[in-house]
């Protein structure tokens, strides 16, 4: 064992369907290591604030440090978890969301390294005087996906990724806006990839709007490649860059299967989508903006579908992702130190 991977999310019902869990699993296969969930709220009788994350498992972490070379924490935003300062091994802090302006990041100077997934976040952190920031290449196992073009017809089908973890995220992740768009546009069919959380809530909302025939909720482990074959595009919405990954897995998977993507302006991947021409940027998380983006997708679908089929397999290699983290590990441990720990 050489690495200790820390996740601040609750343990997912289906880790194989959760983006960060997939990434950590790929890194553990390459570098070895142990996975720790530092969020204690699944067992806690009362809600425990983030300030206290990690303290309940500090003894276990200190024990595992006997065989580990470094810690690797994944968190959406730059939050200063106090327990990190009690660890003896170097800490790599991976920011999975984008960095908003005017966020406090001074504590990140105390980390051995910080990684981000997009150039904008890299520039912002460097502009704050951090010289320990590195770009981590987003990537997935593209070999799992094949291109199955689906011609446009009277119905347009969108795969909705990044399901909400809380009731508040029904608004911040655009679920409410999407359901209202389906109510207003009978041609729109939404296919939700759900995570076993709040399924009763989404079912109730769909029924209240009377759009049961326009919504499919997949609350189970599925073959995403097979599901993508039956949709025209995918969509991920967010009001802020910290509540989804800078490069959402469902969007990368969509492109790997040759399906265009719709992403919010707030998500850092939006810049890539505009440059590559492989989808549409949704300017705001609102029903009107969703419908406008849908109209743009329909109007330019053949061109966007061709761009998606070229970009997905080319730009999101899992091997490149692993190599980008290896460079960070080597920077922290030294190349000889890393190789001796594998």
C-alpha atoms as a PDB file:
ATOM      1  CA  UNK A   1       0.000   0.000   0.000  1.00  0.00           C
ATOM      2  CA  UNK A   2       1.391   3.422  -0.921  1.00  0.00           C
ATOM      3  CA  UNK A   3      -1.464   5.957  -0.991  1.00  0.00           C
ATOM      4  CA  UNK A   4      -4.352   6.883   1.290  1.00  0.00           C
ATOM      5  CA  UNK A   5      -7.298   8.225  -0.708  1.00  0.00           C
ATOM      6  CA  UNK A   6      -9.767  10.417   1.209  1.00  0.00           C
ATOM      7  CA  UNK A   7     -13.306  11.095  -0.059  1.00  0.00           C
ATOM      8  CA  UNK A   8     -15.525  13.728   1.552  1.00  0.00           C
ATOM      9  CA  UNK A   9     -18.757  12.402   0.036  1.00  0.00           C
ATOM     10  CA  UNK A  10     -20.954   9.880   1.803  1.00  0.00           C
ATOM     11  CA  UNK A  11     -20.220   6.298   0.752  1.00  0.00           C
ATOM     12  CA  UNK A  12     -22.306   5.879  -2.434  1.00  0.00           C
ATOM     13  CA  UNK A  13     -24.866   3.117  -2.763  1.00  0.00           C
ATOM     14  CA  UNK A  14     -23.259   2.093  -6.055  1.00  0.00           C
ATOM     15  CA  UNK A  15     -19.569   3.174  -6.120  1.00  0.00           C
ATOM     16  CA  UNK A  16     -19.188   1.872  -9.664  1.00  0.00           C
ATOM     17  CA  UNK A  17     -21.682   4.540 -10.790  1.00  0.00           C
ATOM     18  CA  UNK A  18     -20.132   7.471  -8.906  1.00  0.00           C
ATOM     19  CA  UNK A  19     -17.566   9.590 -10.773  1.00  0.00           C
ATOM     20  CA  UNK A  20     -14.931  10.202  -8.088  1.00  0.00           C
ATOM     21  CA  UNK A  21     -15.137   6.594  -6.905  1.00  0.00           C
ATOM     22  CA  UNK A  22     -14.439   5.459 -10.481  1.00  0.00           C
ATOM     23  CA  UNK A  23     -11.407   7.734 -10.706  1.00  0.00           C
ATOM     24  CA  UNK A  24      -9.981   6.647  -7.355  1.00  0.00           C
ATOM     25  CA  UNK A  25     -10.523   3.006  -8.289  1.00  0.00           C
ATOM     26  CA  UNK A  26      -8.438   3.519 -11.444  1.00  0.00           C
ATOM     27  CA  UNK A  27      -5.652   5.174  -9.429  1.00  0.00           C
ATOM     28  CA  UNK A  28      -5.677   2.423  -6.804  1.00  0.00           C
ATOM     29  CA  UNK A  29      -5.352  -0.220  -9.507  1.00  0.00           C
ATOM     30  CA  UNK A  30      -2.224   1.572 -10.733  1.00  0.00           C
ATOM     31  CA  UNK A  31      -0.624   2.792  -7.501  1.00  0.00           C
ATOM     32  CA  UNK A  32      -2.227   0.715  -4.762  1.00  0.00           C
ATOM     33  CA  UNK A  33      -3.621   2.219  -1.612  1.00  0.00           C
ATOM     34  CA  UNK A  34      -6.500   2.424   0.803  1.00  0.00           C
ATOM     35  CA  UNK A  35      -9.774   4.356   0.523  1.00  0.00           C
ATOM     36  CA  UNK A  36     -11.194   6.276   3.512  1.00  0.00           C
ATOM     37  CA  UNK A  37     -14.548   8.115   3.672  1.00  0.00           C
ATOM     38  CA  UNK A  38     -13.942  11.052   6.021  1.00  0.00           C
ATOM     39  CA  UNK A  39     -17.604  12.149   6.083  1.00  0.00           C
ATOM     40  CA  UNK A  40     -19.157  10.603   9.234  1.00  0.00           C
ATOM     41  CA  UNK A  41     -22.771  11.583   8.548  1.00  0.00           C
ATOM     42  CA  UNK A  42     -24.054   8.188   7.454  1.00  0.00           C
ATOM     43  CA  UNK A  43     -23.715   6.806  11.000  1.00  0.00           C
ATOM     44  CA  UNK A  44     -24.061  10.049  12.980  1.00  0.00           C
ATOM     45  CA  UNK A  45     -27.409  10.652  14.779  1.00  0.00           C
ATOM     46  CA  UNK A  46     -27.028  14.417  14.183  1.00  0.00           C
ATOM     47  CA  UNK A  47     -25.599  16.267  11.210  1.00  0.00           C
ATOM     48  CA  UNK A  48     -21.846  16.818  11.604  1.00  0.00           C
ATOM     49  CA  UNK A  49     -20.402  19.949   9.908  1.00  0.00           C
ATOM     50  CA  UNK A  50     -17.482  19.659   7.512  1.00  0.00           C
ATOM     51  CA  UNK A  51     -15.202  21.297  10.071  1.00  0.00           C
ATOM     52  CA  UNK A  52     -15.193  17.984  11.973  1.00  0.00           C
ATOM     53  CA  UNK A  53     -14.772  15.615   9.020  1.00  0.00           C
ATOM     54  CA  UNK A  54     -11.929  13.132   9.398  1.00  0.00           C
ATOM     55  CA  UNK A  55     -11.640  13.383  13.171  1.00  0.00           C
ATOM     56  CA  UNK A  56     -13.662  10.211  13.741  1.00  0.00           C
ATOM     57  CA  UNK A  57     -11.186   8.177  11.668  1.00  0.00           C
ATOM     58  CA  UNK A  58      -7.996   9.988  12.669  1.00  0.00           C
ATOM     59  CA  UNK A  59      -6.669   7.038  14.661  1.00  0.00           C
ATOM     60  CA  UNK A  60      -7.165   4.746  11.649  1.00  0.00           C
ATOM     61  CA  UNK A  61      -5.474   7.251   9.363  1.00  0.00           C
ATOM     62  CA  UNK A  62      -2.487   7.610  11.681  1.00  0.00           C
ATOM     63  CA  UNK A  63      -2.179   3.815  11.814  1.00  0.00           C
ATOM     64  CA  UNK A  64      -2.319   3.491   8.025  1.00  0.00           C
ATOM     65  CA  UNK A  65       0.365   6.163   7.663  1.00  0.00           C
ATOM     66  CA  UNK A  66       2.811   3.483   8.760  1.00  0.00           C
ATOM     67  CA  UNK A  67       2.616   1.918   5.300  1.00  0.00           C
ATOM     68  CA  UNK A  68       1.424   4.876   3.179  1.00  0.00           C
ATOM     69  CA  UNK A  69       3.642   7.394   1.406  1.00  0.00           C
ATOM     70  CA  UNK A  70       1.091  10.195   1.045  1.00  0.00           C
ATOM     71  CA  UNK A  71      -2.544  11.246   1.393  1.00  0.00           C
ATOM     72  CA  UNK A  72      -4.725  12.161  -1.584  1.00  0.00           C
ATOM     73  CA  UNK A  73      -7.940  14.042  -0.736  1.00  0.00           C
ATOM     74  CA  UNK A  74     -10.795  14.666  -3.187  1.00  0.00           C
ATOM     75  CA  UNK A  75     -13.155  17.561  -2.432  1.00  0.00           C
ATOM     76  CA  UNK A  76     -15.264  19.827  -4.681  1.00  0.00           C
ATOM     77  CA  UNK A  77     -14.154  23.158  -3.201  1.00  0.00           C
ATOM     78  CA  UNK A  78     -11.194  24.555  -1.228  1.00  0.00           C
ATOM     79  CA  UNK A  79     -12.408  23.823   2.286  1.00  0.00           C
ATOM     80  CA  UNK A  80      -9.768  23.851   5.087  1.00  0.00           C
ATOM     81  CA  UNK A  81     -10.431  20.555   6.864  1.00  0.00           C
ATOM     82  CA  UNK A  82      -8.609  20.829  10.214  1.00  0.00           C
ATOM     83  CA  UNK A  83      -7.835  17.103  10.433  1.00  0.00           C
ATOM     84  CA  UNK A  84      -5.449  17.408   7.478  1.00  0.00           C
ATOM     85  CA  UNK A  85      -3.055  19.403   9.660  1.00  0.00           C
ATOM     86  CA  UNK A  86      -2.840  16.474  12.096  1.00  0.00           C
ATOM     87  CA  UNK A  87      -1.491  14.052   9.475  1.00  0.00           C
ATOM     88  CA  UNK A  88       2.201  13.227   9.208  1.00  0.00           C
ATOM     89  CA  UNK A  89       2.468  12.283   5.529  1.00  0.00           C
ATOM     90  CA  UNK A  90       2.252  14.819   2.659  1.00  0.00           C
ATOM     91  CA  UNK A  91      -1.267  15.706   1.465  1.00  0.00           C
ATOM     92  CA  UNK A  92      -2.368  16.188  -2.146  1.00  0.00           C
ATOM     93  CA  UNK A  93      -5.638  18.140  -2.330  1.00  0.00           C
ATOM     94  CA  UNK A  94      -7.627  17.473  -5.522  1.00  0.00           C
ATOM     95  CA  UNK A  95     -10.292  20.081  -6.241  1.00  0.00           C
ATOM     96  CA  UNK A  96     -12.909  18.326  -8.341  1.00  0.00           C
ATOM     97  CA  UNK A  97     -15.048  21.404  -8.986  1.00  0.00           C
ATOM     98  CA  UNK A  98     -14.093  24.708 -10.548  1.00  0.00           C
ATOM     99  CA  UNK A  99     -12.668  27.570  -8.492  1.00  0.00           C
ATOM    100  CA  UNK A 100     -14.927  30.577  -8.124  1.00  0.00           C
ATOM    101  CA  UNK A 101     -13.490  34.033  -7.683  1.00  0.00           C
ATOM    102  CA  UNK A 102     -12.987  35.459  -4.189  1.00  0.00           C
ATOM    103  CA  UNK A 103     -12.699  32.063  -2.522  1.00  0.00           C
ATOM    104  CA  UNK A 104     -10.288  31.775   0.418  1.00  0.00           C
ATOM    105  CA  UNK A 105      -7.460  29.482  -0.649  1.00  0.00           C
ATOM    106  CA  UNK A 106      -4.518  30.527   1.517  1.00  0.00           C
ATOM    107  CA  UNK A 107      -4.581  27.260   3.488  1.00  0.00           C
ATOM    108  CA  UNK A 108      -3.792  25.364   0.268  1.00  0.00           C
ATOM    109  CA  UNK A 109      -0.223  26.613   0.538  1.00  0.00           C
ATOM    110  CA  UNK A 110       0.215  24.112   3.357  1.00  0.00           C
ATOM    111  CA  UNK A 111      -0.619  21.182   1.077  1.00  0.00           C
ATOM    112  CA  UNK A 112       2.166  19.274  -0.661  1.00  0.00           C
ATOM    113  CA  UNK A 113       0.286  19.746  -3.940  1.00  0.00           C
ATOM    114  CA  UNK A 114      -3.101  20.899  -5.230  1.00  0.00           C
ATOM    115  CA  UNK A 115      -4.680  19.602  -8.436  1.00  0.00           C
ATOM    116  CA  UNK A 116      -7.436  21.086 -10.596  1.00  0.00           C
ATOM    117  CA  UNK A 117      -9.037  19.847 -13.810  1.00  0.00           C
ATOM    118  CA  UNK A 118      -9.346  23.064 -15.793  1.00  0.00           C
ATOM    119  CA  UNK A 119      -7.060  25.873 -16.936  1.00  0.00           C
ATOM    120  CA  UNK A 120      -9.292  28.602 -15.483  1.00  0.00           C
ATOM    121  CA  UNK A 121      -8.986  27.230 -11.955  1.00  0.00           C
ATOM    122  CA  UNK A 122      -5.245  26.768 -12.420  1.00  0.00           C
ATOM    123  CA  UNK A 123      -4.816  30.396 -13.436  1.00  0.00           C
ATOM    124  CA  UNK A 124      -6.977  31.682 -10.568  1.00  0.00           C
ATOM    125  CA  UNK A 125      -5.038  29.736  -7.953  1.00  0.00           C
ATOM    126  CA  UNK A 126      -1.701  30.754  -9.396  1.00  0.00           C
ATOM    127  CA  UNK A 127      -2.958  34.331  -9.347  1.00  0.00           C
ATOM    128  CA  UNK A 128      -3.496  33.905  -5.595  1.00  0.00           C
ATOM    129  CA  UNK A 129       0.208  33.183  -5.228  1.00  0.00           C
ATOM    130  CA  UNK A 130       0.042  29.369  -5.056  1.00  0.00           C
ATOM    131  CA  UNK A 131       3.012  27.669  -6.677  1.00  0.00           C
ATOM    132  CA  UNK A 132       2.013  24.097  -5.743  1.00  0.00           C
ATOM    133  CA  UNK A 133      -0.917  23.792  -8.186  1.00  0.00           C
ATOM    134  CA  UNK A 134      -1.002  21.267 -11.022  1.00  0.00           C
ATOM    135  CA  UNK A 135      -3.398  20.432 -13.836  1.00  0.00           C
ATOM    136  CA  UNK A 136      -4.854  16.910 -13.636  1.00  0.00           C
ATOM    137  CA  UNK A 137      -6.068  15.519 -16.941  1.00  0.00           C
ATOM    138  CA  UNK A 138      -9.752  14.444 -16.795  1.00  0.00           C
ATOM    139  CA  UNK A 139     -10.246  10.961 -18.138  1.00  0.00           C
ATOM    140  CA  UNK A 140     -12.417   7.837 -18.234  1.00  0.00           C
ATOM    141  CA  UNK A 141     -12.167   4.323 -19.622  1.00  0.00           C
ATOM    142  CA  UNK A 142     -13.174   5.269 -23.156  1.00  0.00           C
ATOM    143  CA  UNK A 143     -12.864   1.642 -24.313  1.00  0.00           C
ATOM    144  CA  UNK A 144     -16.203   0.976 -22.577  1.00  0.00           C
ATOM    145  CA  UNK A 145     -18.030   3.222 -25.055  1.00  0.00           C
ATOM    146  CA  UNK A 146     -18.926   2.874 -28.705  1.00  0.00           C
ATOM    147  CA  UNK A 147     -20.555   5.306 -31.101  1.00  0.00           C
ATOM    148  CA  UNK A 148     -24.176   4.541 -31.995  1.00  0.00           C
ATOM    149  CA  UNK A 149     -25.598   7.501 -33.968  1.00  0.00           C
ATOM    150  CA  UNK A 150     -29.289   8.136 -33.366  1.00  0.00           C
ATOM    151  CA  UNK A 151     -31.015  10.260 -36.018  1.00  0.00           C
ATOM    152  CA  UNK A 152     -33.231  13.069 -34.821  1.00  0.00           C
ATOM    153  CA  UNK A 153     -36.937  12.344 -34.988  1.00  0.00           C
ATOM    154  CA  UNK A 154     -40.118  13.777 -33.535  1.00  0.00           C
ATOM    155  CA  UNK A 155     -38.729  13.045 -30.047  1.00  0.00           C
ATOM    156  CA  UNK A 156     -35.380  14.220 -28.659  1.00  0.00           C
ATOM    157  CA  UNK A 157     -33.957  12.182 -25.810  1.00  0.00           C
ATOM    158  CA  UNK A 158     -31.507  13.619 -23.269  1.00  0.00           C
ATOM    159  CA  UNK A 159     -29.533  11.642 -20.701  1.00  0.00           C
ATOM    160  CA  UNK A 160     -29.376  13.561 -17.409  1.00  0.00           C
ATOM    161  CA  UNK A 161     -26.264  12.953 -15.309  1.00  0.00           C
ATOM    162  CA  UNK A 162     -25.069  14.135 -11.904  1.00  0.00           C
ATOM    163  CA  UNK A 163     -28.157  13.296  -9.879  1.00  0.00           C
ATOM    164  CA  UNK A 164     -28.761  15.361  -6.723  1.00  0.00           C
ATOM    165  CA  UNK A 165     -27.565  14.271  -3.289  1.00  0.00           C
ATOM    166  CA  UNK A 166     -29.854  16.708  -1.416  1.00  0.00           C
ATOM    167  CA  UNK A 167     -33.294  18.249  -1.977  1.00  0.00           C
ATOM    168  CA  UNK A 168     -31.672  21.642  -2.507  1.00  0.00           C
ATOM    169  CA  UNK A 169     -29.778  20.262  -5.489  1.00  0.00           C
ATOM    170  CA  UNK A 170     -33.046  19.679  -7.351  1.00  0.00           C
ATOM    171  CA  UNK A 171     -32.785  23.420  -8.029  1.00  0.00           C
ATOM    172  CA  UNK A 172     -29.007  23.945  -8.136  1.00  0.00           C
ATOM    173  CA  UNK A 173     -28.481  20.968 -10.467  1.00  0.00           C
ATOM    174  CA  UNK A 174     -31.342  22.022 -12.710  1.00  0.00           C
ATOM    175  CA  UNK A 175     -33.698  19.094 -12.135  1.00  0.00           C
ATOM    176  CA  UNK A 176     -36.656  21.437 -11.578  1.00  0.00           C
ATOM    177  CA  UNK A 177     -35.794  23.418 -14.729  1.00  0.00           C
ATOM    178  CA  UNK A 178     -35.478  20.236 -16.803  1.00  0.00           C
ATOM    179  CA  UNK A 179     -38.805  18.819 -15.635  1.00  0.00           C
ATOM    180  CA  UNK A 180     -40.565  22.095 -16.417  1.00  0.00           C
ATOM    181  CA  UNK A 181     -38.894  22.126 -19.858  1.00  0.00           C
ATOM    182  CA  UNK A 182     -40.325  18.649 -20.496  1.00  0.00           C
ATOM    183  CA  UNK A 183     -43.780  19.870 -19.440  1.00  0.00           C
ATOM    184  CA  UNK A 184     -43.551  22.754 -21.915  1.00  0.00           C
ATOM    185  CA  UNK A 185     -41.947  20.726 -24.741  1.00  0.00           C
ATOM    186  CA  UNK A 186     -43.798  17.453 -25.464  1.00  0.00           C
ATOM    187  CA  UNK A 187     -40.991  16.357 -27.813  1.00  0.00           C
ATOM    188  CA  UNK A 188     -38.466  16.227 -24.951  1.00  0.00           C
ATOM    189  CA  UNK A 189     -37.809  12.922 -23.190  1.00  0.00           C
ATOM    190  CA  UNK A 190     -35.509  12.885 -20.148  1.00  0.00           C
ATOM    191  CA  UNK A 191     -33.564   9.796 -19.068  1.00  0.00           C
ATOM    192  CA  UNK A 192     -32.264  10.221 -15.508  1.00  0.00           C
ATOM    193  CA  UNK A 193     -29.341   8.202 -14.171  1.00  0.00           C
ATOM    194  CA  UNK A 194     -30.254   8.072 -10.475  1.00  0.00           C
ATOM    195  CA  UNK A 195     -28.140   7.026  -7.480  1.00  0.00           C
ATOM    196  CA  UNK A 196     -30.541   5.424  -5.021  1.00  0.00           C
ATOM    197  CA  UNK A 197     -31.041   8.740  -3.192  1.00  0.00           C
ATOM    198  CA  UNK A 198     -34.266  10.813  -3.219  1.00  0.00           C
ATOM    199  CA  UNK A 199     -35.934   8.610  -5.829  1.00  0.00           C
ATOM    200  CA  UNK A 200     -39.315   9.121  -4.148  1.00  0.00           C
ATOM    201  CA  UNK A 201     -38.881  12.892  -4.531  1.00  0.00           C
ATOM    202  CA  UNK A 202     -38.144  12.819  -8.278  1.00  0.00           C
ATOM    203  CA  UNK A 203     -40.991  10.334  -8.832  1.00  0.00           C
ATOM    204  CA  UNK A 204     -43.406  12.609  -6.985  1.00  0.00           C
ATOM    205  CA  UNK A 205     -42.334  15.669  -9.001  1.00  0.00           C
ATOM    206  CA  UNK A 206     -42.732  13.871 -12.322  1.00  0.00           C
ATOM    207  CA  UNK A 207     -46.213  12.680 -11.391  1.00  0.00           C
ATOM    208  CA  UNK A 208     -47.262  16.151 -10.175  1.00  0.00           C
ATOM    209  CA  UNK A 209     -46.309  17.626 -13.568  1.00  0.00           C
ATOM    210  CA  UNK A 210     -48.081  14.848 -15.474  1.00  0.00           C
ATOM    211  CA  UNK A 211     -45.028  13.985 -17.586  1.00  0.00           C
ATOM    212  CA  UNK A 212     -44.626  10.301 -16.695  1.00  0.00           C
ATOM    213  CA  UNK A 213     -44.521   9.377 -20.392  1.00  0.00           C
ATOM    214  CA  UNK A 214     -41.634  11.801 -20.991  1.00  0.00           C
ATOM    215  CA  UNK A 215     -39.359  10.745 -18.133  1.00  0.00           C
ATOM    216  CA  UNK A 216     -37.378   7.561 -17.521  1.00  0.00           C
ATOM    217  CA  UNK A 217     -35.718   7.136 -14.110  1.00  0.00           C
ATOM    218  CA  UNK A 218     -32.969   4.506 -14.042  1.00  0.00           C
ATOM    219  CA  UNK A 219     -32.464   3.896 -10.339  1.00  0.00           C
ATOM    220  CA  UNK A 220     -30.164   0.897 -10.715  1.00  0.00           C
ATOM    221  CA  UNK A 221     -26.751  -0.074 -12.005  1.00  0.00           C
ATOM    222  CA  UNK A 222     -26.945   0.051 -15.807  1.00  0.00           C
ATOM    223  CA  UNK A 223     -24.696  -0.285 -18.834  1.00  0.00           C
ATOM    224  CA  UNK A 224     -24.227   3.415 -19.586  1.00  0.00           C
ATOM    225  CA  UNK A 225     -22.940   2.682 -23.087  1.00  0.00           C
ATOM    226  CA  UNK A 226     -26.185   0.874 -23.857  1.00  0.00           C
ATOM    227  CA  UNK A 227     -28.264   3.730 -22.430  1.00  0.00           C
ATOM    228  CA  UNK A 228     -26.300   6.298 -24.442  1.00  0.00           C
ATOM    229  CA  UNK A 229     -27.120   4.382 -27.632  1.00  0.00           C
ATOM    230  CA  UNK A 230     -30.764   5.306 -27.068  1.00  0.00           C
ATOM    231  CA  UNK A 231     -30.353   9.053 -26.518  1.00  0.00           C
ATOM    232  CA  UNK A 232     -29.361  11.977 -28.720  1.00  0.00           C
ATOM    233  CA  UNK A 233     -27.280  13.909 -26.187  1.00  0.00           C
ATOM    234  CA  UNK A 234     -26.594  14.330 -22.473  1.00  0.00           C
ATOM    235  CA  UNK A 235     -27.013  17.275 -20.127  1.00  0.00           C
ATOM    236  CA  UNK A 236     -25.432  18.366 -16.829  1.00  0.00           C
ATOM    237  CA  UNK A 237     -26.533  21.569 -15.117  1.00  0.00           C
ATOM    238  CA  UNK A 238     -25.150  23.454 -12.117  1.00  0.00           C
ATOM    239  CA  UNK A 239     -25.555  26.924 -10.682  1.00  0.00           C
ATOM    240  CA  UNK A 240     -22.005  26.982  -9.256  1.00  0.00           C
ATOM    241  CA  UNK A 241     -18.767  25.242 -10.284  1.00  0.00           C
ATOM    242  CA  UNK A 242     -18.337  23.426  -6.959  1.00  0.00           C
ATOM    243  CA  UNK A 243     -21.372  21.103  -6.989  1.00  0.00           C
ATOM    244  CA  UNK A 244     -20.310  18.940  -9.958  1.00  0.00           C
ATOM    245  CA  UNK A 245     -16.961  17.873 -11.337  1.00  0.00           C
ATOM    246  CA  UNK A 246     -15.206  20.385 -13.552  1.00  0.00           C
ATOM    247  CA  UNK A 247     -15.428  17.696 -16.244  1.00  0.00           C
ATOM    248  CA  UNK A 248     -18.499  15.594 -15.323  1.00  0.00           C
ATOM    249  CA  UNK A 249     -18.050  11.887 -15.987  1.00  0.00           C
ATOM    250  CA  UNK A 250     -21.451  11.611 -17.643  1.00  0.00           C
ATOM    251  CA  UNK A 251     -20.448  14.318 -20.131  1.00  0.00           C
ATOM    252  CA  UNK A 252     -17.126  12.639 -20.938  1.00  0.00           C
ATOM    253  CA  UNK A 253     -18.935   9.308 -21.333  1.00  0.00           C
ATOM    254  CA  UNK A 254     -21.459  10.937 -23.652  1.00  0.00           C
ATOM    255  CA  UNK A 255     -18.707  12.296 -25.891  1.00  0.00           C
ATOM    256  CA  UNK A 256     -16.894   8.951 -25.838  1.00  0.00           C
ATOM    257  CA  UNK A 257     -20.114   7.445 -27.232  1.00  0.00           C
ATOM    258  CA  UNK A 258     -20.361  10.152 -29.893  1.00  0.00           C
ATOM    259  CA  UNK A 259     -23.253  12.017 -28.267  1.00  0.00           C
ATOM    260  CA  UNK A 260     -23.154  15.844 -27.918  1.00  0.00           C
ATOM    261  CA  UNK A 261     -23.353  17.424 -24.488  1.00  0.00           C
ATOM    262  CA  UNK A 262     -25.230  20.327 -22.935  1.00  0.00           C
ATOM    263  CA  UNK A 263     -23.450  21.856 -19.935  1.00  0.00           C
ATOM    264  CA  UNK A 264     -24.005  24.911 -17.778  1.00  0.00           C
ATOM    265  CA  UNK A 265     -21.867  27.995 -18.263  1.00  0.00           C
ATOM    266  CA  UNK A 266     -20.841  27.625 -14.592  1.00  0.00           C
ATOM    267  CA  UNK A 267     -19.183  24.256 -15.272  1.00  0.00           C
ATOM    268  CA  UNK A 268     -15.543  24.645 -16.418  1.00  0.00           C
ATOM    269  CA  UNK A 269     -16.045  22.043 -19.158  1.00  0.00           C
ATOM    270  CA  UNK A 270     -18.203  24.635 -20.945  1.00  0.00           C
ATOM    271  CA  UNK A 271     -15.099  26.274 -22.412  1.00  0.00           C
ATOM    272  CA  UNK A 272     -13.989  22.959 -23.895  1.00  0.00           C
ATOM    273  CA  UNK A 273     -17.460  22.296 -25.344  1.00  0.00           C
ATOM    274  CA  UNK A 274     -17.507  25.685 -27.069  1.00  0.00           C
ATOM    275  CA  UNK A 275     -13.999  25.249 -28.474  1.00  0.00           C
ATOM    276  CA  UNK A 276     -14.571  21.678 -29.690  1.00  0.00           C
ATOM    277  CA  UNK A 277     -18.070  22.418 -31.040  1.00  0.00           C
ATOM    278  CA  UNK A 278     -19.344  19.182 -29.509  1.00  0.00           C
ATOM    279  CA  UNK A 279     -22.419  20.560 -27.775  1.00  0.00           C
ATOM    280  CA  UNK A 280     -24.209  23.583 -26.360  1.00  0.00           C
ATOM    281  CA  UNK A 281     -23.502  25.755 -23.328  1.00  0.00           C
ATOM    282  CA  UNK A 282     -26.601  26.453 -21.219  1.00  0.00           C
ATOM    283  CA  UNK A 283     -26.199  30.032 -20.065  1.00  0.00           C
ATOM    284  CA  UNK A 284     -28.250  29.772 -16.862  1.00  0.00           C
ATOM    285  CA  UNK A 285     -30.074  27.089 -14.905  1.00  0.00           C
ATOM    286  CA  UNK A 286     -33.561  28.042 -16.002  1.00  0.00           C
ATOM    287  CA  UNK A 287     -36.287  26.475 -18.095  1.00  0.00           C
ATOM    288  CA  UNK A 288     -36.028  29.157 -20.780  1.00  0.00           C
ATOM    289  CA  UNK A 289     -32.274  28.625 -21.126  1.00  0.00           C
ATOM    290  CA  UNK A 290     -32.676  24.855 -21.272  1.00  0.00           C
ATOM    291  CA  UNK A 291     -35.231  25.192 -24.085  1.00  0.00           C
ATOM    292  CA  UNK A 292     -33.006  27.668 -25.950  1.00  0.00           C
ATOM    293  CA  UNK A 293     -30.051  25.266 -25.697  1.00  0.00           C
ATOM    294  CA  UNK A 294     -32.257  22.404 -26.873  1.00  0.00           C
ATOM    295  CA  UNK A 295     -33.299  24.407 -29.939  1.00  0.00           C
ATOM    296  CA  UNK A 296     -29.647  25.144 -30.715  1.00  0.00           C
ATOM    297  CA  UNK A 297     -28.783  21.456 -30.369  1.00  0.00           C
ATOM    298  CA  UNK A 298     -31.563  20.466 -32.761  1.00  0.00           C
ATOM    299  CA  UNK A 299     -30.570  23.133 -35.264  1.00  0.00           C
ATOM    300  CA  UNK A 300     -26.915  22.049 -35.376  1.00  0.00           C
ATOM    301  CA  UNK A 301     -27.190  18.396 -34.434  1.00  0.00           C
ATOM    302  CA  UNK A 302     -25.343  16.699 -37.340  1.00  0.00           C
ATOM    303  CA  UNK A 303     -22.329  18.991 -36.935  1.00  0.00           C
ATOM    304  CA  UNK A 304     -22.246  18.616 -33.145  1.00  0.00           C
ATOM    305  CA  UNK A 305     -22.680  14.855 -33.337  1.00  0.00           C
ATOM    306  CA  UNK A 306     -19.714  14.573 -35.703  1.00  0.00           C
ATOM    307  CA  UNK A 307     -17.565  16.744 -33.417  1.00  0.00           C
ATOM    308  CA  UNK A 308     -18.577  14.652 -30.394  1.00  0.00           C
ATOM    309  CA  UNK A 309     -17.619  11.405 -32.099  1.00  0.00           C
ATOM    310  CA  UNK A 310     -14.157  12.828 -32.802  1.00  0.00           C
ATOM    311  CA  UNK A 311     -13.533  14.493 -29.443  1.00  0.00           C
ATOM    312  CA  UNK A 312     -14.663  11.915 -26.910  1.00  0.00           C
ATOM    313  CA  UNK A 313     -12.289   9.081 -27.694  1.00  0.00           C
ATOM    314  CA  UNK A 314      -9.420  11.484 -28.458  1.00  0.00           C
ATOM    315  CA  UNK A 315      -9.405  13.827 -25.476  1.00  0.00           C
ATOM    316  CA  UNK A 316     -10.433  11.853 -22.382  1.00  0.00           C
ATOM    317  CA  UNK A 317      -8.065   8.925 -22.057  1.00  0.00           C
ATOM    318  CA  UNK A 318      -7.987   7.315 -18.613  1.00  0.00           C
ATOM    319  CA  UNK A 319      -4.324   6.527 -19.134  1.00  0.00           C
ATOM    320  CA  UNK A 320      -3.563  10.217 -19.608  1.00  0.00           C
ATOM    321  CA  UNK A 321      -5.453  10.932 -16.383  1.00  0.00           C
ATOM    322  CA  UNK A 322      -3.376   8.385 -14.484  1.00  0.00           C
ATOM    323  CA  UNK A 323      -0.147   9.734 -15.954  1.00  0.00           C
ATOM    324  CA  UNK A 324      -1.037  13.282 -14.941  1.00  0.00           C
ATOM    325  CA  UNK A 325      -1.465  12.189 -11.306  1.00  0.00           C
ATOM    326  CA  UNK A 326       1.722  10.158 -11.488  1.00  0.00           C
ATOM    327  CA  UNK A 327       3.604  13.342 -12.369  1.00  0.00           C
ATOM    328  CA  UNK A 328       2.146  15.007  -9.273  1.00  0.00           C
ATOM    329  CA  UNK A 329       3.041  12.026  -7.070  1.00  0.00           C
ATOM    330  CA  UNK A 330       6.581  12.082  -8.448  1.00  0.00           C
ATOM    331  CA  UNK A 331       6.847  15.791  -7.780  1.00  0.00           C
ATOM    332  CA  UNK A 332       5.893  15.232  -4.136  1.00  0.00           C
ATOM    333  CA  UNK A 333       7.775  11.979  -3.479  1.00  0.00           C
ATOM    334  CA  UNK A 334      10.459  12.110  -6.117  1.00  0.00           C
ATOM    335  CA  UNK A 335      10.405   9.575  -8.929  1.00  0.00           C
ATOM    336  CA  UNK A 336      12.560   7.079  -7.031  1.00  0.00           C
ATOM    337  CA  UNK A 337      10.329   7.351  -3.974  1.00  0.00           C
ATOM    338  CA  UNK A 338       7.226   6.686  -6.027  1.00  0.00           C
ATOM    339  CA  UNK A 339       8.661   3.714  -7.865  1.00  0.00           C
ATOM    340  CA  UNK A 340       9.864   2.135  -4.623  1.00  0.00           C
ATOM    341  CA  UNK A 341       6.346   2.354  -3.190  1.00  0.00           C
ATOM    342  CA  UNK A 342       4.610   0.602  -6.098  1.00  0.00           C
END
